[in-house]
N, C-alpha and C. Protein backbone atom coordinates (compact mmCIF):
# COMPACT_ATOMS: atom_id res chain seq x y z
N UNK A 1 1.44 -1.22 0.65
CA UNK A 1 0.02 0.21 -0.13
C UNK A 1 1.05 1.44 0.36
N UNK A 2 1.97 1.06 0.89
CA UNK A 2 2.31 2.39 0.86
C UNK A 2 3.62 2.61 -0.40
N UNK A 3 3.62 2.26 -1.32
CA UNK A 3 4.42 2.16 -2.49
C UNK A 3 3.35 2.58 -3.94
N UNK A 4 2.01 2.73 -3.33
CA UNK A 4 1.20 3.00 -4.52
C UNK A 4 0.67 4.31 -4.10
N UNK A 5 1.18 5.02 -2.52
CA UNK A 5 0.93 6.67 -2.37
C UNK A 5 1.50 7.50 -3.12
N UNK A 6 1.10 8.36 -3.98
CA UNK A 6 1.91 9.57 -4.74
C UNK A 6 2.90 9.97 -3.61
N UNK A 7 4.02 10.58 -4.69
CA UNK A 7 5.23 11.04 -4.00
C UNK A 7 5.13 11.73 -2.98
N UNK A 8 4.61 12.85 -2.50
CA UNK A 8 4.53 13.63 -1.52
C UNK A 8 3.82 12.86 -0.50
N UNK A 9 2.72 11.84 -0.83
CA UNK A 9 2.37 11.38 0.58
C UNK A 9 3.18 10.52 1.14
N UNK A 10 3.95 9.82 0.54
CA UNK A 10 4.66 9.17 1.00
C UNK A 10 5.77 9.83 1.74
N UNK A 11 6.32 10.97 0.69
CA UNK A 11 7.50 11.71 1.83
C UNK A 11 6.80 11.78 2.96
N UNK A 12 5.58 12.66 3.01
CA UNK A 12 4.89 13.06 4.48
C UNK A 12 5.00 11.73 5.40
N UNK A 13 4.08 10.45 4.91
CA UNK A 13 4.45 9.26 5.75
C UNK A 13 5.61 8.94 6.42
N UNK A 14 6.34 8.86 5.58
CA UNK A 14 8.01 9.13 5.97
C UNK A 14 8.93 9.42 7.05
N UNK A 15 8.17 11.07 7.12
CA UNK A 15 7.93 11.70 7.98
C UNK A 15 7.47 11.47 9.00
N UNK A 16 6.65 11.57 9.03
CA UNK A 16 5.62 10.88 10.43
C UNK A 16 6.26 9.58 10.93
N UNK A 17 6.97 8.76 10.18
CA UNK A 17 7.41 7.46 11.01
C UNK A 17 8.66 7.74 11.68
N UNK A 18 9.05 8.59 11.38
CA UNK A 18 10.19 9.35 12.20
C UNK A 18 9.95 9.77 13.60
N UNK A 19 8.40 10.13 13.65
CA UNK A 19 8.16 10.89 15.23
C UNK A 19 6.83 11.84 14.68
N UNK A 20 5.90 12.26 15.85
CA UNK A 20 5.02 12.97 15.42
C UNK A 20 5.43 14.33 15.40
N UNK A 21 4.64 15.12 14.27
CA UNK A 21 4.74 16.02 14.11
C UNK A 21 3.34 17.08 13.62
N UNK A 22 3.16 18.64 13.68
CA UNK A 22 2.22 19.43 13.50
C UNK A 22 2.42 19.32 11.99
N UNK A 23 1.41 19.74 10.90
CA UNK A 23 1.54 20.11 9.75
C UNK A 23 2.36 20.87 8.89
N UNK A 24 2.89 22.16 9.86
CA UNK A 24 4.02 23.25 10.30
C UNK A 24 5.56 22.26 9.68
N UNK A 25 5.37 21.63 10.84
CA UNK A 25 6.95 20.77 11.31
C UNK A 25 6.84 19.81 10.06
N UNK A 26 5.97 19.29 9.46
CA UNK A 26 5.96 18.19 8.38
C UNK A 26 6.47 19.02 7.22
N UNK A 27 5.77 20.18 7.17
CA UNK A 27 6.12 20.99 5.81
C UNK A 27 7.94 21.68 5.71
N UNK A 28 8.30 21.54 6.73
CA UNK A 28 9.41 22.16 7.18
C UNK A 28 10.81 21.14 6.80
N UNK A 29 9.97 19.84 7.58
CA UNK A 29 11.03 18.57 7.01
C UNK A 29 10.99 18.12 5.18
N UNK A 30 9.80 18.54 4.46
CA UNK A 30 10.05 18.03 3.13
C UNK A 30 10.82 18.97 2.09
N UNK A 31 11.18 18.25 1.32
CA UNK A 31 11.90 19.06 -0.06
C UNK A 31 11.27 19.81 -1.17
N UNK A 32 11.39 20.93 -1.10
CA UNK A 32 10.70 21.89 -2.17
C UNK A 32 9.18 21.53 -1.59
N UNK A 33 8.78 22.28 -0.20
CA UNK A 33 7.23 22.03 0.30
C UNK A 33 6.68 22.42 -0.29
N UNK A 34 5.00 21.75 -0.54
CA UNK A 34 4.21 22.61 -1.07
C UNK A 34 3.75 23.67 -0.12
N UNK A 35 2.18 24.65 -0.58
CA UNK A 35 1.74 25.22 0.46
C UNK A 35 1.34 24.83 2.03
N UNK A 36 1.00 25.38 2.68
CA UNK A 36 0.44 24.64 4.10
C UNK A 36 -0.95 24.31 3.89
N UNK A 37 -1.83 24.79 3.44
CA UNK A 37 -2.95 24.05 2.85
C UNK A 37 -2.82 22.69 2.18
N UNK A 38 -1.89 22.44 1.38
CA UNK A 38 -2.16 21.55 0.74
C UNK A 38 -1.71 20.37 1.43
N UNK A 39 -0.40 20.88 2.20
CA UNK A 39 0.13 19.35 3.35
C UNK A 39 -1.15 19.58 4.28
N UNK A 40 -1.72 19.98 4.99
CA UNK A 40 -2.75 19.85 5.52
C UNK A 40 -3.80 18.47 5.00
N UNK A 41 -3.87 18.93 3.80
CA UNK A 41 -4.83 18.06 2.61
C UNK A 41 -4.31 16.80 2.39
N UNK A 42 -3.10 16.74 2.07
CA UNK A 42 -2.25 14.92 2.47
C UNK A 42 -2.23 14.36 3.64
N UNK A 43 -2.52 15.20 4.43
CA UNK A 43 -2.20 14.57 6.03
C UNK A 43 -3.76 13.76 6.05
N UNK A 44 -4.32 14.88 5.57
CA UNK A 44 -6.10 14.22 6.06
C UNK A 44 -6.30 13.18 4.91
N UNK A 45 -5.67 13.14 3.72
CA UNK A 45 -6.01 11.72 2.93
C UNK A 45 -4.91 10.34 3.90
N UNK A 46 -3.88 10.72 4.47
CA UNK A 46 -2.79 9.93 4.52
C UNK A 46 -4.03 9.29 6.04
N UNK A 47 -4.56 10.26 6.97
CA UNK A 47 -5.62 9.51 7.64
C UNK A 47 -6.78 8.74 7.25
N UNK A 48 -7.59 9.13 6.18
CA UNK A 48 -8.49 8.57 5.43
C UNK A 48 -8.23 7.19 4.88
N UNK A 49 -6.58 6.81 4.63
CA UNK A 49 -6.28 5.69 4.40
C UNK A 49 -5.82 4.92 5.50
N UNK A 50 -5.83 5.04 6.62
CA UNK A 50 -5.50 5.04 8.10
C UNK A 50 -4.31 4.53 8.14
N UNK A 51 -3.10 5.55 7.54
CA UNK A 51 -1.86 5.13 8.00
C UNK A 51 -1.23 6.43 8.34
N UNK A 52 -2.48 7.35 9.34
CA UNK A 52 -2.03 8.46 9.85
C UNK A 52 -3.41 8.54 11.01
N UNK A 53 -2.34 9.35 12.16
CA UNK A 53 -3.69 9.80 12.91
C UNK A 53 -3.35 11.05 13.36
N UNK A 54 -4.31 11.67 14.27
CA UNK A 54 -3.35 12.91 15.19
C UNK A 54 -4.22 13.16 16.33
N UNK A 55 -3.67 13.92 16.94
CA UNK A 55 -4.27 14.22 18.35
C UNK A 55 -4.05 15.93 18.73
N UNK A 56 -5.09 16.60 19.26
CA UNK A 56 -4.80 17.98 19.55
C UNK A 56 -4.38 18.19 20.28
N UNK A 57 -3.36 19.10 20.78
CA UNK A 57 -2.50 19.65 21.48
C UNK A 57 -2.34 20.77 21.41
N UNK A 58 -2.86 21.95 22.74
CA UNK A 58 -2.48 23.26 22.51
C UNK A 58 -3.40 24.24 21.05
N UNK A 59 -3.99 23.17 20.95
CA UNK A 59 -5.33 23.75 19.60
C UNK A 59 -4.58 23.49 18.31
N UNK A 60 -3.58 22.80 18.29
CA UNK A 60 -2.57 22.19 17.13
C UNK A 60 -3.06 20.85 16.83
N UNK A 61 -2.81 20.54 15.50
CA UNK A 61 -3.27 19.00 15.49
C UNK A 61 -1.56 18.37 15.25
N UNK A 62 -1.09 17.33 16.33
CA UNK A 62 0.04 16.51 15.95
C UNK A 62 -0.42 15.03 14.86
N UNK A 63 0.11 15.08 14.31
CA UNK A 63 -0.15 13.77 13.46
C UNK A 63 0.79 12.43 13.86
N UNK A 64 0.75 11.44 14.17
CA UNK A 64 1.70 10.34 13.61
C UNK A 64 1.54 8.92 12.52
N UNK A 65 2.54 8.75 12.33
CA UNK A 65 1.83 7.31 11.76
C UNK A 65 1.13 6.30 12.42
N UNK A 66 0.51 5.35 11.18
CA UNK A 66 -0.18 4.16 12.38
C UNK A 66 0.95 3.28 12.09
N UNK A 67 0.98 2.68 13.25
CA UNK A 67 1.94 1.49 13.56
C UNK A 67 1.39 0.25 12.53
N UNK A 68 2.10 0.02 11.45
CA UNK A 68 1.63 -1.21 10.81
C UNK A 68 3.43 -1.66 10.51
N UNK A 69 4.17 -1.81 11.18
CA UNK A 69 5.40 -2.55 10.88
C UNK A 69 5.69 -3.33 9.76
N UNK A 70 4.59 -4.30 9.87
CA UNK A 70 4.65 -5.19 8.68
C UNK A 70 4.36 -5.03 7.26
N UNK A 71 3.17 -4.21 7.05
CA UNK A 71 3.05 -3.37 5.75
C UNK A 71 4.34 -2.65 5.85
N UNK A 72 4.32 -1.74 6.53
CA UNK A 72 5.45 -1.08 6.29
C UNK A 72 6.86 -1.72 5.96
N UNK A 73 7.49 -2.57 6.35
CA UNK A 73 8.37 -2.81 6.17
C UNK A 73 8.69 -3.88 4.90
N UNK A 74 6.99 -4.71 4.59
CA UNK A 74 7.00 -5.24 3.45
C UNK A 74 7.18 -4.23 2.20
N UNK A 75 6.10 -3.10 2.29
CA UNK A 75 6.48 -2.22 1.44
C UNK A 75 7.44 -1.45 1.12
N UNK A 76 8.82 -1.13 1.93
CA UNK A 76 9.91 -0.53 1.71
C UNK A 76 10.73 -1.48 0.91
N UNK A 77 10.70 -2.67 1.44
CA UNK A 77 11.66 -3.74 0.89
C UNK A 77 11.09 -4.08 -0.51
N UNK A 78 10.22 -3.85 -1.04
CA UNK A 78 9.74 -4.42 -2.13
C UNK A 78 9.68 -2.77 -3.18
N UNK A 79 9.77 -1.65 -2.77
CA UNK A 79 10.66 -0.61 -3.44
C UNK A 79 11.85 -0.98 -3.31
N UNK A 80 13.14 -1.36 -2.55
CA UNK A 80 14.04 -1.16 -2.37
C UNK A 80 14.44 -2.11 -3.80
N UNK A 81 13.74 -3.60 -3.23
CA UNK A 81 14.55 -4.90 -4.55
C UNK A 81 14.00 -4.14 -5.75
N UNK A 82 12.66 -3.37 -5.93
CA UNK A 82 12.55 -2.88 -7.82
C UNK A 82 13.79 -2.12 -7.97
N UNK A 83 13.87 -1.24 -7.09
CA UNK A 83 14.63 0.05 -7.56
C UNK A 83 16.36 -0.15 -7.71
N UNK A 84 16.90 -0.82 -6.63
CA UNK A 84 18.19 -1.09 -6.44
C UNK A 84 18.71 -2.86 -6.91
N UNK A 85 17.91 -3.59 -7.26
CA UNK A 85 18.07 -4.97 -7.51
C UNK A 85 17.31 -5.98 -8.91
N UNK A 86 16.90 -4.74 -9.37
CA UNK A 86 15.91 -4.55 -10.90
C UNK A 86 14.79 -5.90 -10.62
N UNK A 87 14.36 -5.98 -9.11
CA UNK A 87 13.00 -6.56 -9.01
C UNK A 87 13.95 -8.18 -8.30
N UNK A 88 14.97 -8.33 -8.41
CA UNK A 88 15.53 -9.42 -7.90
C UNK A 88 15.41 -9.92 -6.50
N UNK A 89 14.98 -10.40 -5.80
CA UNK A 89 14.81 -10.77 -4.28
C UNK A 89 16.00 -11.34 -3.84
N UNK A 90 16.84 -12.31 -4.76
CA UNK A 90 17.87 -12.80 -4.44
C UNK A 90 19.13 -12.46 -4.70
N UNK A 91 18.97 -11.27 -5.44
CA UNK A 91 20.14 -10.50 -5.60
C UNK A 91 20.14 -9.70 -4.59
N UNK A 92 19.40 -9.05 -3.94
CA UNK A 92 18.83 -7.84 -2.58
C UNK A 92 19.61 -9.26 -1.33
N UNK A 93 18.90 -10.22 -1.27
CA UNK A 93 19.54 -10.94 -0.15
C UNK A 93 20.97 -11.19 -0.57
N UNK A 94 21.75 -11.37 -1.82
CA UNK A 94 22.57 -12.25 -1.19
C UNK A 94 23.84 -10.68 -1.07
N UNK A 95 23.10 -9.38 -1.34
CA UNK A 95 23.58 -8.14 -1.25
C UNK A 95 23.92 -7.54 0.39
N UNK A 96 22.37 -8.15 0.93
CA UNK A 96 22.43 -7.80 2.60
C UNK A 96 23.44 -8.67 3.43
N UNK A 97 23.40 -10.11 2.84
CA UNK A 97 24.54 -10.84 3.04
C UNK A 97 26.19 -10.57 3.56
N UNK A 98 25.93 -10.24 1.99
CA UNK A 98 27.85 -9.39 2.01
C UNK A 98 27.90 -8.22 3.08
N UNK A 99 26.67 -7.42 3.42
CA UNK A 99 27.32 -6.89 4.70
C UNK A 99 27.51 -6.89 5.43
N UNK A 100 27.19 -8.63 6.10
CA UNK A 100 27.59 -9.20 7.61
C UNK A 100 28.44 -9.99 7.71
N UNK A 101 29.10 -9.41 8.65
CA UNK A 101 30.45 -10.28 8.96
C UNK A 101 30.43 -12.05 9.02
N UNK A 102 29.51 -12.20 10.14
CA UNK A 102 29.05 -13.54 10.58
C UNK A 102 27.65 -13.78 10.96
N UNK A 103 27.18 -14.78 10.67
CA UNK A 103 25.66 -15.09 11.21
C UNK A 103 25.67 -16.01 12.16
N UNK A 104 24.59 -16.11 13.14
CA UNK A 104 24.70 -17.08 13.94
C UNK A 104 23.95 -18.18 13.76
N UNK A 105 23.92 -19.14 14.20
CA UNK A 105 23.25 -20.93 13.66
C UNK A 105 22.00 -20.64 13.79
N UNK A 106 21.27 -19.53 14.47
CA UNK A 106 19.84 -19.59 14.47
C UNK A 106 19.88 -18.61 13.14
N UNK A 107 20.61 -18.09 12.75
CA UNK A 107 19.83 -16.96 10.98
C UNK A 107 20.54 -18.19 10.36
N UNK A 108 21.49 -18.69 10.58
CA UNK A 108 21.84 -19.49 8.96
C UNK A 108 20.55 -20.66 9.13
N UNK A 109 20.19 -21.23 9.83
CA UNK A 109 19.04 -22.08 9.84
C UNK A 109 17.37 -21.16 10.04
N UNK A 110 17.13 -19.78 9.91
CA UNK A 110 16.51 -19.62 9.50
C UNK A 110 16.43 -19.28 7.79
N UNK A 111 17.74 -18.54 7.01
CA UNK A 111 17.94 -18.69 5.91
C UNK A 111 17.46 -19.74 4.88
N UNK A 112 18.25 -20.92 5.56
CA UNK A 112 17.66 -22.31 4.81
C UNK A 112 16.60 -22.77 4.87
N UNK A 113 15.63 -22.43 6.14
CA UNK A 113 14.56 -22.82 5.94
C UNK A 113 13.72 -21.66 4.84
N UNK A 114 14.15 -20.37 4.30
CA UNK A 114 13.36 -19.89 3.57
C UNK A 114 13.59 -19.90 2.19
N UNK A 115 14.89 -20.37 2.23
CA UNK A 115 15.22 -21.12 0.91
C UNK A 115 14.78 -22.13 0.48
N UNK A 116 14.46 -23.64 1.53
CA UNK A 116 13.78 -24.75 1.14
C UNK A 116 12.50 -24.23 1.32
N UNK A 117 11.91 -23.51 1.49
CA UNK A 117 10.42 -23.07 1.55
C UNK A 117 9.77 -22.32 0.29
N UNK A 118 11.30 -21.44 -0.53
CA UNK A 118 11.16 -21.15 -1.72
C UNK A 118 11.04 -22.07 -2.88
N UNK A 119 12.08 -22.96 -2.69
CA UNK A 119 12.26 -24.33 -3.31
C UNK A 119 10.73 -24.91 -3.46
N UNK A 120 10.38 -25.52 -2.32
CA UNK A 120 8.90 -25.91 -2.59
C UNK A 120 7.84 -25.13 -3.04
N UNK A 121 8.19 -24.47 -2.99
CA UNK A 121 6.96 -23.24 -3.85
C UNK A 121 7.35 -23.40 -5.16
N UNK A 122 8.52 -23.48 -5.92
CA UNK A 122 8.58 -23.58 -7.28
C UNK A 122 8.23 -24.70 -8.27
N UNK A 123 8.22 -25.80 -7.12
CA UNK A 123 7.79 -27.18 -7.54
C UNK A 123 6.44 -27.25 -8.26
């Protein structure tokens, strides 16, 4: 779902993932920010999509992302794999493993299990 957001909404969502912020604070953190009212409109859209919520603090709306770790993680990983690895999960996994100097026995077992499950899906 995150990958299908328009560029500006995704930028705002990523800002909210770093912490709570008012519309003005969100706007300050944006690259080439749109008008304040445009930011407020996009925040309302994120709320309507269930990706953000707000509370009122001293008569100001303070927004935050709605925790969806699995959804956000999966969406971000899909985007990284598409962008940097030409859609190849195997190439992405190989690159990630190259960043690690050593793996624990549990990690190696989990990787082997994932490989075995992938092989079964191919059959």
